[in-house]
Amino acid sequence: MDQPKQEIKIQDNISGAEYSNLMQVRHNKDEIMLMFANVMPPTGKTVAKVVTNPSHFKKIVNALQDNLKKYEEKYGIIEQSPENPNGINNWEVFPPEKQ
């Protein structure tokens, strides 16, 4: 038997995409929360929060890994920025202490 077609409606109040250069992950036994932020020191703001269950989170991770593999096969390996001990990626959140 054919499955009935599922229709997904997208809310009209969702505007364009939000840029995020920071993500924080937290979890408890039943839920995993992803918080996305846009940080431009000295300020930043949370742009989205996603809360899901562990089973669905694992599906999200698998989809991301699959898409990353396809992206790198098509465009080349993505070089990661070196970690900055004074802040987030290459932004300095707090000025380094003077010697």
Protein backbone atom coordinates (compact mmCIF):
# COMPACT_ATOMS: atom_id res chain seq x y z
CA MET A 1 0.00 0.00 0.00
CA ASP A 2 1.12 3.53 -0.72
CA GLN A 3 1.89 5.74 2.25
CA PRO A 4 -0.22 8.91 2.43
CA LYS A 5 1.70 12.00 1.32
CA GLN A 6 2.94 14.05 4.27
CA GLU A 7 2.66 17.81 4.03
CA ILE A 8 4.99 20.02 6.08
CA LYS A 9 4.04 23.65 6.50
CA ILE A 10 6.72 26.26 7.10
CA GLN A 11 5.69 29.13 9.35
CA ASP A 12 5.41 32.50 7.64
CA ASN A 13 7.02 34.32 10.56
CA ILE A 14 10.40 32.66 9.96
CA SER A 15 12.41 35.32 8.19
CA GLY A 16 15.72 34.71 6.47
CA ALA A 17 18.58 32.63 7.75
CA GLU A 18 20.64 33.63 10.78
CA TYR A 19 24.44 33.61 10.72
CA SER A 20 26.13 31.68 13.53
CA ASN A 21 29.83 31.46 14.31
CA LEU A 22 29.44 29.75 17.70
CA MET A 23 27.49 26.69 18.81
CA GLN A 24 27.07 25.29 22.29
CA VAL A 25 25.70 21.83 23.01
CA ARG A 26 24.13 20.76 26.31
CA HIS A 27 22.28 17.61 27.23
CA ASN A 28 20.53 15.66 29.92
CA LYS A 29 19.28 12.08 29.76
CA ASP A 30 16.19 12.94 27.71
CA GLU A 31 17.09 15.98 25.59
CA ILE A 32 19.90 17.63 23.69
CA MET A 33 19.95 21.41 23.25
CA LEU A 34 21.90 23.19 20.53
CA MET A 35 22.36 26.94 21.01
CA PHE A 36 23.61 28.97 18.06
CA ALA A 37 25.08 32.45 18.53
CA ASN A 38 26.55 35.23 16.46
CA VAL A 39 29.58 36.63 18.28
CA MET A 40 31.31 39.82 17.17
CA PRO A 41 33.35 40.93 20.18
CA PRO A 42 32.75 42.69 22.40
CA THR A 43 29.13 41.55 21.98
CA GLY A 44 27.14 38.59 20.75
CA LYS A 45 23.60 37.28 20.63
CA THR A 46 21.81 33.96 20.58
CA VAL A 47 20.22 33.51 17.16
CA ALA A 48 18.58 30.08 17.60
CA LYS A 49 18.00 27.23 20.04
CA VAL A 50 17.05 23.71 19.02
CA VAL A 51 15.97 21.10 21.57
CA THR A 52 15.52 17.49 20.43
CA ASN A 53 15.66 13.94 21.72
CA PRO A 54 18.83 11.80 21.57
CA SER A 55 17.51 9.52 18.80
CA HIS A 56 16.67 12.42 16.49
CA PHE A 57 19.95 14.15 17.39
CA LYS A 58 21.84 11.07 16.20
CA LYS A 59 19.96 11.27 12.87
CA ILE A 60 20.94 14.96 12.61
CA VAL A 61 24.61 14.12 13.27
CA ASN A 62 24.53 11.34 10.64
CA ALA A 63 22.96 13.71 8.07
CA LEU A 64 25.58 16.37 8.83
CA GLN A 65 28.44 13.86 8.52
CA ASP A 66 27.04 12.59 5.20
CA ASN A 67 26.69 16.12 3.82
CA LEU A 68 30.16 17.13 5.03
CA LYS A 69 31.63 14.08 3.25
CA LYS A 70 29.78 14.98 0.02
CA TYR A 71 30.84 18.65 0.32
CA GLU A 72 34.52 17.76 0.76
CA GLU A 73 34.41 15.26 -2.10
CA LYS A 74 33.08 18.00 -4.36
CA TYR A 75 34.96 21.09 -3.10
CA GLY A 76 37.99 19.74 -1.20
CA ILE A 77 38.91 19.25 2.44
CA ILE A 78 37.84 22.06 4.78
CA GLU A 79 40.76 23.49 6.75
CA GLN A 80 39.85 24.25 10.37
CA SER A 81 40.98 27.50 11.98
CA PRO A 82 43.51 27.07 14.77
CA GLU A 83 42.06 27.35 18.27
CA ASN A 84 42.60 30.67 20.01
CA PRO A 85 43.36 30.25 23.75
CA ASN A 86 42.12 33.82 24.38
CA GLY A 87 38.67 33.44 22.89
CA ILE A 88 36.42 31.91 20.28
CA ASN A 89 38.05 30.84 17.00
CA ASN A 90 40.09 33.85 15.92
CA TRP A 91 38.14 36.45 17.93
CA GLU A 92 39.69 37.54 21.20
CA VAL A 93 36.93 37.78 23.77
CA PHE A 94 39.20 39.08 26.52
CA PRO A 95 42.41 40.94 25.79
CA PRO A 96 45.48 38.87 26.66
CA GLU A 97 47.18 39.81 29.91
CA LYS A 98 50.12 42.18 29.54
CA GLN A 99 53.51 40.57 30.18
